[in-house]
N, C-alpha and C. Protein backbone atom coordinates (compact mmCIF):
# COMPACT_ATOMS: atom_id res chain seq x y z
N MET A 1 101.23 122.14 119.20
CA MET A 1 102.17 122.08 120.40
C MET A 1 100.85 120.42 121.30
N ASN A 2 100.72 119.23 120.93
CA ASN A 2 99.87 118.65 121.51
C ASN A 2 99.88 118.27 123.14
N PRO A 3 98.32 118.67 124.26
CA PRO A 3 98.51 117.78 125.05
C PRO A 3 99.17 116.95 125.84
N LYS A 4 99.55 116.23 126.78
CA LYS A 4 100.10 115.73 127.12
C LYS A 4 99.08 114.03 127.17
N GLN A 5 99.85 113.49 126.17
CA GLN A 5 98.90 112.19 125.87
C GLN A 5 98.62 111.24 127.34
N PRO A 6 97.44 110.45 127.00
CA PRO A 6 97.04 109.75 128.26
C PRO A 6 98.53 108.27 127.58
N VAL A 7 98.46 108.19 129.72
CA VAL A 7 99.53 106.83 129.95
C VAL A 7 99.00 105.94 129.14
N LEU A 8 98.97 104.59 128.01
CA LEU A 8 98.32 103.18 128.41
C LEU A 8 99.26 102.16 128.77
N TRP A 9 98.71 100.70 129.50
CA TRP A 9 99.75 99.98 129.14
C TRP A 9 99.35 99.10 128.66
N VAL A 10 99.59 97.91 127.46
CA VAL A 10 100.08 96.87 126.35
C VAL A 10 100.43 95.82 127.11
N ILE A 11 100.07 95.29 127.51
CA ILE A 11 101.04 94.05 128.43
C ILE A 11 100.61 92.58 127.36
N ASP A 12 101.77 91.71 126.73
CA ASP A 12 100.83 90.99 125.44
C ASP A 12 103.25 90.73 125.02
N SER A 13 102.31 88.70 125.92
CA SER A 13 104.14 88.45 125.57
C SER A 13 104.40 88.33 124.07
N GLU A 14 103.08 88.53 122.72
CA GLU A 14 103.91 88.52 121.76
C GLU A 14 103.87 89.66 120.68
N GLN A 15 105.05 89.91 120.11
CA GLN A 15 105.30 90.94 119.76
C GLN A 15 104.76 91.66 119.11
N TRP A 16 103.67 91.55 117.18
CA TRP A 16 102.73 91.56 116.90
C TRP A 16 102.08 92.07 116.65
N PRO A 17 101.12 91.15 118.29
CA PRO A 17 99.58 91.46 118.36
C PRO A 17 99.79 92.83 119.26
N ARG A 18 101.02 92.77 120.55
CA ARG A 18 101.15 94.47 121.10
C ARG A 18 101.46 95.69 120.55
N ALA A 19 102.19 95.01 119.26
CA ALA A 19 102.87 96.23 118.27
C ALA A 19 101.36 97.23 117.43
N CYS A 20 100.63 95.96 117.04
CA CYS A 20 99.84 96.11 116.21
C CYS A 20 98.97 97.06 116.42
N LEU A 21 98.28 96.59 118.40
CA LEU A 21 97.37 97.08 119.56
C LEU A 21 97.93 98.77 119.54
N ARG A 22 99.07 99.18 120.01
CA ARG A 22 99.74 100.09 120.47
C ARG A 22 100.14 100.82 119.62
N ALA A 23 100.09 100.64 118.44
CA ALA A 23 100.63 101.60 116.51
C ALA A 23 98.42 102.01 116.76
N GLU A 24 97.65 101.36 116.88
CA GLU A 24 96.35 101.70 117.20
C GLU A 24 96.15 103.21 118.11
N LEU A 25 96.71 102.20 119.12
CA LEU A 25 96.00 103.86 120.19
C LEU A 25 97.08 104.84 119.95
N ILE A 26 98.43 104.60 119.66
CA ILE A 26 98.48 105.49 119.23
C ILE A 26 97.99 106.67 118.09
N GLU A 27 97.96 105.75 117.31
CA GLU A 27 97.19 106.44 115.80
C GLU A 27 95.74 107.29 116.64
N ARG A 28 95.26 107.06 118.16
CA ARG A 28 93.66 107.64 118.03
C ARG A 28 94.08 108.42 119.21
N GLY A 29 96.10 109.09 119.24
CA GLY A 29 96.32 109.71 120.37
C GLY A 29 96.61 109.63 121.74
N TYR A 30 96.56 107.76 122.09
CA TYR A 30 97.16 107.43 123.58
C TYR A 30 98.59 107.03 123.18
N ASP A 31 99.65 107.91 124.43
CA ASP A 31 101.13 107.93 124.21
C ASP A 31 100.83 106.06 125.13
N ALA A 32 100.87 105.22 124.46
CA ALA A 32 100.77 103.46 124.84
C ALA A 32 102.08 102.89 124.85
N HIS A 33 102.04 102.57 125.73
CA HIS A 33 103.91 101.71 126.38
C HIS A 33 103.48 100.36 126.31
N GLY A 34 104.32 99.66 125.48
CA GLY A 34 104.50 98.10 125.24
C GLY A 34 105.65 97.38 126.19
N PHE A 35 104.65 96.24 126.50
CA PHE A 35 105.88 95.23 127.94
C PHE A 35 105.08 93.88 127.60
N MET A 36 106.15 92.82 128.04
CA MET A 36 106.47 91.45 127.31
C MET A 36 105.42 90.69 128.11
N SER A 37 105.57 91.55 130.16
CA SER A 37 104.63 90.76 130.97
C SER A 37 104.86 91.53 132.07
N ILE A 38 103.86 90.89 132.44
CA ILE A 38 103.24 92.58 133.42
C ILE A 38 104.20 92.22 134.95
N ASP A 39 105.37 91.75 135.50
CA ASP A 39 106.38 92.36 136.07
C ASP A 39 107.19 93.15 134.83
N ASP A 40 107.07 93.33 133.97
CA ASP A 40 108.35 94.62 133.07
C ASP A 40 106.99 95.79 133.02
N ALA A 41 105.62 95.56 133.03
CA ALA A 41 105.09 96.46 132.65
C ALA A 41 104.75 97.71 134.69
N LEU A 42 104.70 96.91 135.98
CA LEU A 42 105.05 96.86 137.18
C LEU A 42 106.69 98.06 137.35
N ASP A 43 107.40 97.49 137.12
CA ASP A 43 108.76 97.67 137.26
C ASP A 43 108.85 99.72 136.64
N SER A 44 108.13 99.97 135.37
CA SER A 44 107.68 101.14 134.80
C SER A 44 108.04 102.01 135.70
N SER A 45 107.83 104.05 135.60
CA SER A 45 107.81 104.70 135.98
C SER A 45 106.56 105.42 135.63
N GLN A 46 106.01 105.36 134.93
CA GLN A 46 104.72 105.83 134.59
C GLN A 46 103.34 104.70 134.98
N ILE A 47 102.25 105.99 136.10
CA ILE A 47 101.44 104.85 136.39
C ILE A 47 100.86 105.17 134.70
N PRO A 48 99.98 103.76 134.67
CA PRO A 48 98.51 104.46 133.80
C PRO A 48 97.07 104.53 133.42
N GLU A 49 96.56 105.48 133.13
CA GLU A 49 95.42 105.80 132.95
C GLU A 49 94.92 104.44 132.79
N VAL A 50 94.76 103.54 131.16
CA VAL A 50 94.69 102.13 131.35
C VAL A 50 95.99 100.91 130.65
N ILE A 51 95.39 99.56 132.11
CA ILE A 51 95.46 98.15 131.77
C ILE A 51 95.38 97.50 129.95
N VAL A 52 95.55 97.29 129.43
CA VAL A 52 94.20 96.12 128.18
C VAL A 52 96.23 95.34 128.65
N LEU A 53 95.62 94.33 128.90
CA LEU A 53 96.24 92.99 129.26
C LEU A 53 95.69 91.73 129.29
N GLU A 54 96.77 90.57 127.67
CA GLU A 54 97.17 89.79 127.82
C GLU A 54 97.30 88.89 128.01
N LEU A 55 96.13 87.68 128.18
CA LEU A 55 96.66 86.86 128.90
C LEU A 55 97.76 86.16 129.05
N ARG A 56 97.28 85.61 127.47
CA ARG A 56 98.87 84.86 126.95
C ARG A 56 99.55 84.95 127.02
N GLY A 57 100.52 83.49 127.74
CA GLY A 57 102.16 83.79 127.31
C GLY A 57 102.12 84.38 129.20
N GLN A 58 101.08 84.62 130.49
CA GLN A 58 102.13 85.61 131.33
C GLN A 58 101.24 84.80 132.48
N THR A 59 102.22 84.58 133.41
CA THR A 59 102.03 83.59 134.99
C THR A 59 101.12 84.54 135.99
N VAL A 60 100.50 84.30 135.87
CA VAL A 60 99.78 85.63 136.29
C VAL A 60 99.86 84.60 138.27
N THR A 61 99.99 85.27 139.04
CA THR A 61 99.19 85.24 139.67
C THR A 61 98.96 85.92 141.02
N LYS A 62 98.14 85.34 141.92
CA LYS A 62 97.38 86.59 142.95
C LYS A 62 98.44 87.43 143.06
N GLU A 63 99.54 87.98 143.68
CA GLU A 63 100.31 89.08 144.26
C GLU A 63 100.45 89.73 142.72
N LEU A 64 100.67 89.38 141.94
CA LEU A 64 100.65 90.11 140.45
C LEU A 64 99.35 91.19 140.47
N ILE A 65 98.58 90.31 140.00
CA ILE A 65 97.06 90.52 139.78
C ILE A 65 96.43 91.94 141.54
N ASP A 66 96.95 91.90 142.85
CA ASP A 66 97.09 92.57 143.93
C ASP A 66 97.61 93.87 143.06
N ARG A 67 98.81 93.41 142.45
CA ARG A 67 99.29 95.08 142.16
C ARG A 67 99.23 95.68 141.37
N ILE A 68 98.23 94.93 140.77
CA ILE A 68 97.73 95.27 139.05
C ILE A 68 96.93 96.91 139.88
N ARG A 69 95.75 95.83 141.04
CA ARG A 69 94.81 96.12 141.15
C ARG A 69 95.05 97.36 142.41
N ASN A 70 96.02 97.09 142.58
CA ASN A 70 96.61 98.66 143.51
C ASN A 70 97.02 99.70 143.12
N LEU A 71 97.44 99.53 140.92
CA LEU A 71 97.26 100.92 141.02
C LEU A 71 96.54 101.88 140.75
N LYS A 72 94.47 101.11 140.74
CA LYS A 72 93.29 101.53 140.20
C LYS A 72 93.48 102.68 139.54
N VAL A 73 93.47 102.29 138.17
CA VAL A 73 93.46 101.90 137.07
C VAL A 73 92.44 100.72 136.43
N PRO A 74 92.38 101.07 135.56
CA PRO A 74 91.35 100.27 134.90
C PRO A 74 91.47 99.82 133.91
N SER A 75 90.97 98.29 134.09
CA SER A 75 92.28 96.85 133.29
C SER A 75 91.13 95.93 132.52
N ILE A 76 91.70 95.98 130.80
CA ILE A 76 90.83 95.37 130.07
C ILE A 76 91.51 94.15 130.45
N VAL A 77 90.77 92.73 130.33
CA VAL A 77 91.61 91.93 130.35
C VAL A 77 91.76 90.79 129.30
N VAL A 78 92.21 90.53 128.30
CA VAL A 78 91.85 89.95 126.93
C VAL A 78 92.66 87.99 127.16
N GLY A 79 91.83 86.90 126.88
CA GLY A 79 92.20 85.64 127.04
C GLY A 79 91.35 84.71 126.72
N GLY A 80 92.03 83.62 127.07
CA GLY A 80 91.24 82.73 126.00
C GLY A 80 90.48 82.04 127.22
N ASN A 81 89.72 80.96 126.34
CA ASN A 81 89.30 80.06 128.09
C ASN A 81 89.53 79.77 129.27
N LEU A 82 90.65 78.46 128.74
CA LEU A 82 91.81 78.62 128.84
C LEU A 82 92.36 79.18 130.17
N GLU A 83 92.75 80.80 129.91
CA GLU A 83 93.41 81.65 130.86
C GLU A 83 92.19 82.23 131.27
N LEU A 84 90.70 82.76 130.84
CA LEU A 84 89.61 83.31 131.44
C LEU A 84 89.49 82.58 133.16
N ASN A 85 89.44 80.78 132.87
CA ASN A 85 89.04 80.15 133.50
C ASN A 85 90.07 80.02 134.61
N GLN A 86 90.94 80.68 135.06
CA GLN A 86 91.82 80.48 136.06
C GLN A 86 91.20 81.07 137.34
N PRO A 87 91.28 79.95 138.48
CA PRO A 87 90.42 80.76 139.80
C PRO A 87 91.63 82.87 140.21
N GLU A 88 92.26 82.70 139.58
CA GLU A 88 93.17 84.54 139.92
C GLU A 88 92.63 85.24 138.71
N ILE A 89 91.83 84.48 137.51
CA ILE A 89 91.31 85.33 137.26
C ILE A 89 90.17 85.61 137.73
N GLN A 90 89.58 84.99 137.27
CA GLN A 90 87.70 84.84 138.25
C GLN A 90 87.27 85.78 139.25
N GLN A 91 88.92 85.44 140.54
CA GLN A 91 88.45 85.77 141.33
C GLN A 91 88.80 87.39 141.47
N SER A 92 88.78 88.15 140.76
CA SER A 92 89.04 89.28 140.45
C SER A 92 88.14 89.95 139.38
N SER A 93 88.01 91.32 140.20
CA SER A 93 87.17 92.30 139.84
C SER A 93 87.93 93.19 138.40
N TRP A 94 87.65 93.47 137.09
CA TRP A 94 88.03 93.69 135.56
C TRP A 94 87.12 94.68 135.64
N GLU A 95 87.33 95.26 134.52
CA GLU A 95 86.19 96.74 134.44
C GLU A 95 85.79 96.21 133.34
N PHE A 96 86.90 95.38 132.28
CA PHE A 96 86.60 94.95 131.09
C PHE A 96 87.16 93.38 131.60
N VAL A 97 86.63 92.01 130.43
CA VAL A 97 86.64 91.33 130.48
C VAL A 97 86.23 90.64 128.69
N LEU A 98 86.99 90.59 127.71
CA LEU A 98 87.30 90.26 126.24
C LEU A 98 87.85 88.64 126.29
N LYS A 99 86.93 87.85 125.29
CA LYS A 99 87.53 86.14 125.17
C LYS A 99 88.14 86.76 123.49
N ARG A 100 89.14 85.89 123.36
CA ARG A 100 89.36 86.10 121.84
C ARG A 100 88.81 85.26 121.28
N PRO A 101 87.98 85.01 120.17
CA PRO A 101 89.28 86.56 119.73
C PRO A 101 88.73 87.86 119.21
N VAL A 102 89.27 88.56 119.68
CA VAL A 102 88.50 90.20 119.61
C VAL A 102 89.87 91.06 118.34
N SER A 103 88.25 92.15 118.37
CA SER A 103 88.97 92.85 117.10
C SER A 103 90.84 93.91 117.45
N LEU A 104 91.11 94.60 117.40
CA LEU A 104 92.05 95.25 117.82
C LEU A 104 91.58 96.96 118.09
N GLY A 105 90.04 96.75 116.95
CA GLY A 105 89.81 98.37 117.08
C GLY A 105 88.47 98.34 118.23
N LYS A 106 88.10 96.50 118.71
CA LYS A 106 87.17 96.25 119.81
C LYS A 106 87.86 96.96 120.68
N ILE A 107 88.74 96.47 121.08
CA ILE A 107 90.25 96.54 122.46
C ILE A 107 89.84 98.24 122.48
N ALA A 108 90.95 99.46 121.62
CA ALA A 108 90.97 100.82 121.17
C ALA A 108 90.07 100.84 121.59
N ASP A 109 88.66 99.97 121.16
CA ASP A 109 86.85 101.46 121.21
C ASP A 109 86.46 100.68 123.25
N ILE A 110 87.54 99.65 123.40
CA ILE A 110 87.11 100.32 124.59
C ILE A 110 88.06 101.07 125.16
N VAL A 111 88.74 101.26 125.87
CA VAL A 111 89.96 101.95 126.40
C VAL A 111 89.78 103.35 126.39
N GLU A 112 88.57 103.11 125.07
CA GLU A 112 88.19 105.21 124.36
C GLU A 112 86.74 104.99 126.03
N GLN A 113 86.42 103.76 125.64
CA GLN A 113 84.64 103.53 126.76
C GLN A 113 85.30 104.09 127.75
N LEU A 114 86.55 103.98 128.73
CA LEU A 114 87.17 103.50 129.63
C LEU A 114 87.44 105.25 130.20
N ARG A 115 88.49 106.14 129.03
CA ARG A 115 88.88 106.90 128.95
C ARG A 115 88.56 107.83 128.47
N GLY A 116 88.02 107.88 127.48
CA GLY A 116 87.66 108.77 126.61
C GLY A 116 88.24 109.45 125.84
N SER A 117 88.03 109.67 124.55
CA SER A 117 88.64 110.32 123.27
C SER A 117 90.04 111.58 123.85
N PRO A 118 91.87 111.16 123.90
CA PRO A 118 92.99 111.73 123.84
C PRO A 118 91.79 113.50 123.71
């Protein structure tokens, strides 16, 4: 029997990138939960140990960012120039900000760096 796996949130509005990243993280021993939106994730009953937030297709407000930051868990933000240049994103502190294109393996490596291997 495996010890409790670390819970991670993968927030991405696109199904296949979200599913592929979840699969990579599950293979590495994490309990990765996927969500289409920030609101969906924040409605979850489980608190994650790391959040991966793909900004593409997300409606990002200061209130949502504050709610994420109030969880006090490390967050990895992934986006293109357009998303990363939004004032709400630039004015918040994130553990990692990754500019697309970035590989799923690189994101999973950063999760391991933040959280440690399960």
